[in-house]
Amino acid sequence: MTLKPTYELVLNGLKQQAAQHAELELTKRGALRAGNTGLITPDGEVAGKCARQTLLRLRGIDAEAVNHSRELMFGAGRGNEPLWIDNLVAGGIERDRIRCEEEVPIRWSLPSGRLVTGRPDLVIGNWEHHKPESGESEWVPERGLELKLVSSLWTGRDVALKREPKLIHLLQAGHYAWKLDIPFEVWYTSRADFHLPPDTRWGEDKKWPRPGRPGSEFIGMNESGQPLKLIPFVVGFELGWFSGELRYRHLSPSGPGVWVSSIVTQAGIQAYFETVDAMDRAGQLAPRPTSLTATGEKGSYNLCSYCPLNDLCKGWQGDAIDPWVEAAAAYIKTLSPTGSIR
């Protein structure tokens, strides 16, 4: 048997993985996902996950899984989880205390009866003995970990240097913490060197801390002593619900920092899913999202700019959902499935 060219093998594998993902999405039609958690702000704005993307996934279409280039990034994120498990086990956690994904699902219903489901990345539990004489025990969840692989310099800057988790990640992990009723943490792992813009210099107007200042441990310097790159790191944030409002604090080997209030509330998450559900039932297209930070400031970037459906949404007229879903499905088919892989 002749061995096929490696590129052909890789592309065939990516195609098969994409097909399997699409098939899996179809089996989950009709349920809303915790991975698509968003927020309705007190001003009525939609923040966090785009409600239009959430509507598409409700109907079995994942707009983000449109080309193999993106799959390479998402695959790296999935590959981050077993590396974390290996590290936790080596660090002293028994493997049978760790559950992940389908092993520890969440499931709850909206007033309409619509299901909201989700799968946390990792949950560490304890085995509690309820009948010592028989040795029977029960696994009880103790701490959840939502794991994010850093795939851009700017995300790395925000979480490592500015100590600001991404709103969309707080929403997802906070959702799990709420429904499992356990503490949750968000952990960012960067496994690559991210080189800084070539004209970067130390200075008060720059985002890169000088040597000796907090955050400088994440910066690699060049031979001239100027900032060169953001080096690999692990940064974590603990989450806590306080009377229905989510707060976070930075974690470090020396102990946790101070609690910071976020704009995430249980009422806002509930309202988001109820709004998406009501729009789907009414056949009404959801509004485009507002880009906000975890504390409610306007984001420095536009979420829609990173969406493959941006051009379609910019020119779309009308608010009926069915024509938009049909157009989105057709538009996705026009996009290059191979991305940057030629």
Protein backbone atom coordinates (compact mmCIF):
# COMPACT_ATOMS: atom_id res chain seq x y z
CA MET A 1 0.00 0.00 0.00
CA THR A 2 1.44 3.37 -1.04
CA LEU A 3 1.75 5.92 1.73
CA LYS A 4 -0.19 9.07 0.89
CA PRO A 5 1.55 12.48 1.02
CA THR A 6 1.59 13.91 4.51
CA TYR A 7 -0.34 17.04 3.52
CA GLU A 8 -3.09 14.83 2.10
CA LEU A 9 -3.22 12.83 5.32
CA VAL A 10 -3.40 15.98 7.43
CA LEU A 11 -6.12 17.58 5.31
CA ASN A 12 -8.15 14.36 5.21
CA GLY A 13 -7.89 14.13 8.99
CA LEU A 14 -9.03 17.72 9.47
CA LYS A 15 -11.93 17.15 7.08
CA GLN A 16 -13.02 14.07 9.01
CA GLN A 17 -12.75 15.90 12.32
CA ALA A 18 -14.83 18.78 10.94
CA ALA A 19 -17.46 16.34 9.67
CA GLN A 20 -17.60 14.58 13.05
CA HIS A 21 -17.98 17.92 14.82
CA ALA A 22 -20.81 18.97 12.48
CA GLU A 23 -22.56 15.65 13.05
CA LEU A 24 -22.21 16.04 16.82
CA GLU A 25 -23.67 19.55 16.66
CA LEU A 26 -26.76 18.19 14.94
CA THR A 27 -27.36 15.76 17.82
CA LYS A 28 -27.47 18.71 20.23
CA ARG A 29 -30.03 20.75 18.33
CA GLY A 30 -32.72 22.27 20.50
CA ALA A 31 -30.58 22.80 23.59
CA LEU A 32 -28.74 25.95 24.61
CA ARG A 33 -25.07 25.63 25.62
CA ALA A 34 -23.13 26.87 28.61
CA GLY A 35 -20.16 27.26 26.27
CA ASN A 36 -22.21 30.01 24.58
CA THR A 37 -22.94 31.94 27.76
CA GLY A 38 -23.74 35.60 27.36
CA LEU A 39 -25.15 38.43 29.42
CA ILE A 40 -27.95 40.96 29.24
CA THR A 41 -26.63 44.11 30.90
CA PRO A 42 -28.80 46.44 33.03
CA ASP A 43 -28.90 48.72 29.94
CA GLY A 44 -30.34 45.88 27.87
CA GLU A 45 -27.21 45.28 25.81
CA VAL A 46 -26.06 41.79 24.80
CA ALA A 47 -22.48 41.08 25.90
CA GLY A 48 -20.27 38.01 25.99
CA LYS A 49 -21.09 35.33 23.46
CA CYS A 50 -22.85 36.58 20.34
CA ALA A 51 -26.55 35.73 20.63
CA ARG A 52 -26.72 35.11 16.88
CA GLN A 53 -24.03 32.44 17.13
CA THR A 54 -25.94 30.95 20.08
CA LEU A 55 -29.11 30.83 17.97
CA LEU A 56 -27.19 29.05 15.21
CA ARG A 57 -25.83 26.42 17.61
CA LEU A 58 -29.35 25.96 18.94
CA ARG A 59 -30.21 24.93 15.38
CA GLY A 60 -27.19 22.67 14.97
CA ILE A 61 -24.76 25.02 13.19
CA ASP A 62 -21.40 26.04 14.67
CA ALA A 63 -20.31 29.21 12.87
CA GLU A 64 -16.84 29.17 14.43
CA ALA A 65 -15.84 25.78 13.05
CA VAL A 66 -15.63 26.98 9.45
CA ASN A 67 -12.06 26.26 8.39
CA HIS A 68 -9.11 24.07 9.22
CA SER A 69 -6.94 26.97 10.38
CA ARG A 70 -9.37 27.66 13.24
CA GLU A 71 -9.57 23.94 13.97
CA LEU A 72 -5.80 23.90 14.52
CA MET A 73 -6.25 26.52 17.25
CA PHE A 74 -9.29 24.86 18.81
CA GLY A 75 -7.52 21.50 18.67
CA ALA A 76 -4.57 22.98 20.55
CA GLY A 77 -7.03 24.16 23.21
CA ARG A 78 -8.45 20.66 23.57
CA GLY A 79 -4.94 19.26 23.75
CA ASN A 80 -4.23 21.61 26.64
CA GLU A 81 -6.62 19.70 28.92
CA PRO A 82 -4.80 16.31 29.07
CA LEU A 83 -1.54 18.19 29.67
CA TRP A 84 -3.17 19.85 32.65
CA ILE A 85 -4.43 16.51 33.95
CA ASP A 86 -0.95 15.02 33.68
CA ASN A 87 0.46 18.01 35.57
CA LEU A 88 -2.16 17.84 38.33
CA VAL A 89 -1.59 14.12 38.82
CA ALA A 90 2.17 14.65 38.95
CA GLY A 91 1.51 17.43 41.46
CA GLY A 92 -0.29 15.09 43.86
CA ILE A 93 -3.97 14.80 42.82
CA GLU A 94 -5.18 11.22 42.42
CA ARG A 95 -6.44 10.64 38.89
CA ASP A 96 -9.76 9.21 40.07
CA ARG A 97 -10.55 12.54 41.75
CA ILE A 98 -10.56 14.36 38.38
CA ARG A 99 -13.52 14.37 36.03
CA CYS A 100 -13.82 16.21 32.73
CA GLU A 101 -16.26 17.17 29.99
CA GLU A 102 -19.07 14.58 29.66
CA GLU A 103 -18.17 13.04 33.03
CA VAL A 104 -19.52 16.04 34.94
CA PRO A 105 -22.25 17.75 32.89
CA ILE A 106 -24.62 20.51 33.93
CA ARG A 107 -28.26 20.55 32.89
CA TRP A 108 -31.04 22.96 33.79
CA SER A 109 -34.27 24.26 32.28
CA LEU A 110 -35.61 27.68 31.41
CA PRO A 111 -39.22 28.56 32.35
CA SER A 112 -40.23 27.55 28.81
CA GLY A 113 -38.81 24.08 29.37
CA ARG A 114 -35.84 24.65 27.05
CA LEU A 115 -32.71 22.85 28.28
CA VAL A 116 -29.37 24.53 28.93
CA THR A 117 -26.49 22.07 29.02
CA GLY A 118 -22.74 22.29 29.48
CA ARG A 119 -19.51 20.40 30.13
CA PRO A 120 -16.85 21.95 32.37
CA ASP A 121 -13.23 21.30 31.40
CA LEU A 122 -12.10 19.79 34.72
CA VAL A 123 -13.66 19.25 38.12
CA ILE A 124 -11.68 17.96 41.10
CA GLY A 125 -13.70 16.07 43.69
CA ASN A 126 -13.40 14.08 46.87
CA TRP A 127 -14.57 10.58 47.67
CA GLU A 128 -16.87 10.74 50.71
CA HIS A 129 -17.62 7.56 52.62
CA HIS A 130 -21.27 7.43 53.62
CA LYS A 131 -21.16 3.81 54.85
CA PRO A 132 -17.72 3.15 56.33
CA GLU A 133 -18.70 -0.41 57.29
CA SER A 134 -19.30 -1.35 53.62
CA GLY A 135 -16.67 0.87 52.06
CA GLU A 136 -19.19 2.55 49.74
CA SER A 137 -18.30 6.08 48.72
CA GLU A 138 -19.53 8.90 46.50
CA TRP A 139 -17.57 11.34 44.33
CA VAL A 140 -18.43 14.88 45.41
CA PRO A 141 -17.26 17.88 43.30
CA GLU A 142 -14.98 20.28 45.17
CA ARG A 143 -13.33 22.68 42.69
CA GLY A 144 -13.81 23.41 39.00
CA LEU A 145 -11.16 24.49 36.53
CA GLU A 146 -11.93 26.16 33.21
CA LEU A 147 -8.81 25.97 31.03
CA LYS A 148 -8.00 28.48 28.31
CA LEU A 149 -5.06 28.26 25.92
CA VAL A 150 -3.64 31.71 25.13
CA SER A 151 -3.53 32.05 21.34
CA SER A 152 -2.74 35.73 20.90
CA LEU A 153 -0.32 38.33 22.24
CA TRP A 154 -3.13 40.65 23.27
CA THR A 155 -4.98 38.04 25.30
CA GLY A 156 -1.67 37.21 26.96
CA ARG A 157 -1.10 40.89 27.76
CA ASP A 158 -4.56 41.27 29.30
CA VAL A 159 -4.52 38.20 31.52
CA ALA A 160 -0.84 38.14 32.54
CA LEU A 161 0.12 41.82 32.71
CA LYS A 162 -3.18 43.62 33.28
CA ARG A 163 -4.58 40.73 35.36
CA GLU A 164 -7.93 40.95 33.60
CA PRO A 165 -9.70 37.73 32.59
CA LYS A 166 -11.80 37.85 29.44
CA LEU A 167 -15.50 38.50 29.99
CA ILE A 168 -16.57 35.56 27.86
CA HIS A 169 -14.46 33.20 29.99
CA LEU A 170 -15.85 34.60 33.26
CA LEU A 171 -19.35 34.05 31.95
CA GLN A 172 -18.72 30.42 31.05
CA ALA A 173 -16.88 29.48 34.25
CA GLY A 174 -19.26 31.51 36.41
CA HIS A 175 -22.16 29.66 34.81
CA TYR A 176 -20.61 26.31 35.79
CA ALA A 177 -19.83 27.54 39.32
CA TRP A 178 -23.43 28.69 39.72
CA LYS A 179 -25.05 25.48 38.58
CA LEU A 180 -22.60 23.05 40.24
CA ASP A 181 -22.50 25.21 43.38
CA ILE A 182 -18.73 24.87 43.79
CA PRO A 183 -15.78 27.28 43.56
CA PHE A 184 -14.39 27.69 40.05
CA GLU A 185 -11.12 28.99 38.66
CA VAL A 186 -10.14 30.15 35.17
CA TRP A 187 -6.58 29.21 34.17
CA TYR A 188 -4.77 30.68 31.17
CA THR A 189 -1.84 28.77 29.73
CA SER A 190 0.50 30.20 27.12
CA ARG A 191 2.77 27.59 25.57
CA ALA A 192 4.51 29.84 23.03
CA ASP A 193 6.73 32.92 22.77
CA PHE A 194 4.70 35.90 21.54
CA HIS A 195 7.03 38.52 20.11
CA LEU A 196 6.15 42.14 20.78
CA PRO A 197 5.76 44.75 18.03
CA PRO A 198 9.20 45.62 16.60
CA ASP A 199 9.10 49.26 17.77
CA THR A 200 8.30 48.36 21.40
CA ARG A 201 10.35 50.26 23.98
CA TRP A 202 10.14 50.72 27.73
CA GLY A 203 8.09 53.78 28.61
CA GLU A 204 5.16 54.95 30.63
CA ASP A 205 2.98 55.03 27.51
CA LYS A 206 3.63 51.36 26.77
CA LYS A 207 1.79 48.29 28.06
CA TRP A 208 4.92 46.37 28.98
CA PRO A 209 6.23 46.61 32.58
CA ARG A 210 9.81 47.67 33.19
CA PRO A 211 12.24 45.15 34.76
CA GLY A 212 11.53 44.69 38.46
CA ARG A 213 7.92 45.81 38.26
CA PRO A 214 4.90 43.49 38.61
CA GLY A 215 4.44 41.52 35.41
CA SER A 216 8.03 41.93 34.22
CA GLU A 217 8.61 38.25 34.93
CA PHE A 218 6.54 37.52 31.82
CA ILE A 219 8.72 39.66 29.53
CA GLY A 220 11.81 38.37 27.74
CA MET A 221 14.35 41.03 26.74
CA ASN A 222 16.66 41.36 23.76
CA GLU A 223 20.43 41.93 23.88
CA SER A 224 19.88 45.68 24.25
CA GLY A 225 17.74 45.22 27.33
CA GLN A 226 14.50 46.18 25.57
CA PRO A 227 11.26 44.16 25.73
CA LEU A 228 11.28 41.41 23.11
CA LYS A 229 8.58 38.84 23.81
CA LEU A 230 5.91 37.55 26.14
CA ILE A 231 7.24 34.22 27.39
CA PRO A 232 5.15 31.10 28.22
CA PHE A 233 3.17 31.33 31.45
CA VAL A 234 0.33 30.02 33.59
CA VAL A 235 -2.03 32.56 35.19
CA GLY A 236 -5.14 31.81 37.23
CA PHE A 237 -8.19 33.62 38.58
CA GLU A 238 -10.52 32.46 41.35
CA LEU A 239 -14.23 33.20 40.91
CA GLY A 240 -16.80 33.78 43.61
CA TRP A 241 -20.53 34.48 43.66
CA PHE A 242 -21.56 37.19 46.10
CA SER A 243 -25.35 37.64 46.35
CA GLY A 244 -25.76 36.78 42.67
CA GLU A 245 -22.85 38.94 41.47
CA LEU A 246 -19.61 37.42 40.20
CA ARG A 247 -16.22 38.60 41.45
CA TYR A 248 -12.74 37.42 40.55
CA ARG A 249 -9.27 37.64 42.03
CA HIS A 250 -5.83 36.96 40.66
CA LEU A 251 -4.03 33.87 41.99
CA SER A 252 -0.29 33.69 42.59
CA PRO A 253 2.11 31.36 44.44
CA SER A 254 2.17 33.87 47.32
CA GLY A 255 -1.62 33.90 47.65
CA PRO A 256 -4.75 35.41 46.10
CA GLY A 257 -5.19 39.10 45.32
CA VAL A 258 -8.15 41.31 46.14
CA TRP A 259 -11.64 40.59 44.85
CA VAL A 260 -12.66 42.59 41.79
CA SER A 261 -16.33 43.11 40.90
CA SER A 262 -17.38 42.09 37.40
CA ILE A 263 -20.50 42.91 35.41
CA VAL A 264 -21.56 39.24 35.45
CA THR A 265 -24.71 38.43 37.39
CA GLN A 266 -26.83 35.30 37.64
CA ALA A 267 -29.84 37.39 36.60
CA GLY A 268 -27.94 38.63 33.53
CA ILE A 269 -27.01 35.09 32.46
CA GLN A 270 -30.56 33.87 33.02
CA ALA A 271 -31.92 36.80 31.01
CA TYR A 272 -29.52 36.06 28.15
CA PHE A 273 -30.71 32.49 27.71
CA GLU A 274 -34.35 33.44 28.16
CA THR A 275 -33.93 36.18 25.52
CA VAL A 276 -32.29 33.82 23.01
CA ASP A 277 -35.00 31.23 23.68
CA ALA A 278 -37.80 33.79 23.24
CA MET A 279 -36.27 35.13 20.01
CA ASP A 280 -35.98 31.64 18.58
CA ARG A 281 -39.60 30.89 19.40
CA ALA A 282 -40.75 34.24 18.00
CA GLY A 283 -38.61 33.91 14.87
CA GLN A 284 -36.78 37.13 15.71
CA LEU A 285 -33.09 37.72 15.00
CA ALA A 286 -30.97 38.68 18.01
CA PRO A 287 -29.01 41.96 18.06
CA ARG A 288 -25.24 42.02 17.52
CA PRO A 289 -23.14 41.96 20.70
CA THR A 290 -21.51 44.85 22.51
CA SER A 291 -17.78 44.39 23.24
CA LEU A 292 -17.23 44.85 26.98
CA THR A 293 -14.48 43.98 29.44
CA ALA A 294 -15.03 41.95 32.61
CA THR A 295 -15.62 45.14 34.59
CA GLY A 296 -17.97 46.68 32.05
CA GLU A 297 -15.64 49.02 30.18
CA LYS A 298 -15.89 49.27 26.40
CA GLY A 299 -13.59 46.71 24.80
CA SER A 300 -10.57 47.80 22.77
CA TYR A 301 -11.69 45.54 19.92
CA ASN A 302 -14.92 44.60 18.17
CA LEU A 303 -16.05 41.02 18.78
CA CYS A 304 -17.74 40.93 15.38
CA SER A 305 -14.42 41.54 13.63
CA TYR A 306 -13.33 38.04 14.67
CA CYS A 307 -16.52 36.33 13.48
CA PRO A 308 -16.67 34.62 10.05
CA LEU A 309 -20.21 35.95 9.66
CA ASN A 310 -19.26 39.61 10.13
CA ASP A 311 -19.68 40.58 6.48
CA LEU A 312 -23.05 38.86 6.30
CA CYS A 313 -24.34 40.57 9.46
CA LYS A 314 -23.09 44.02 8.45
CA GLY A 315 -25.19 44.00 5.33
CA TRP A 316 -28.21 42.10 6.62
CA GLN A 317 -31.61 43.76 6.43
CA GLY A 318 -34.61 42.61 8.46
CA ASP A 319 -35.02 40.84 11.78
CA ALA A 320 -36.64 37.52 10.79
CA ILE A 321 -34.48 34.64 12.01
CA ASP A 322 -35.25 31.89 9.48
CA PRO A 323 -34.01 33.78 6.40
CA TRP A 324 -30.88 34.79 8.32
CA VAL A 325 -30.15 31.21 9.42
CA GLU A 326 -30.54 30.01 5.83
CA ALA A 327 -28.28 32.80 4.58
CA ALA A 328 -25.70 32.07 7.30
CA ALA A 329 -25.63 28.36 6.45
CA ALA A 330 -25.21 29.17 2.75
CA TYR A 331 -22.57 31.81 3.49
CA ILE A 332 -20.51 29.38 5.58
CA LYS A 333 -20.38 27.02 2.60
CA THR A 334 -18.77 29.75 0.49
CA LEU A 335 -15.85 30.18 2.90
CA SER A 336 -12.60 28.36 2.24
CA PRO A 337 -12.66 25.19 4.35
CA THR A 338 -8.89 24.86 4.31
CA GLY A 339 -8.15 28.35 5.64
CA SER A 340 -4.41 29.02 5.46
CA ILE A 341 -3.60 25.37 4.73
CA ARG A 342 -3.10 25.12 0.98
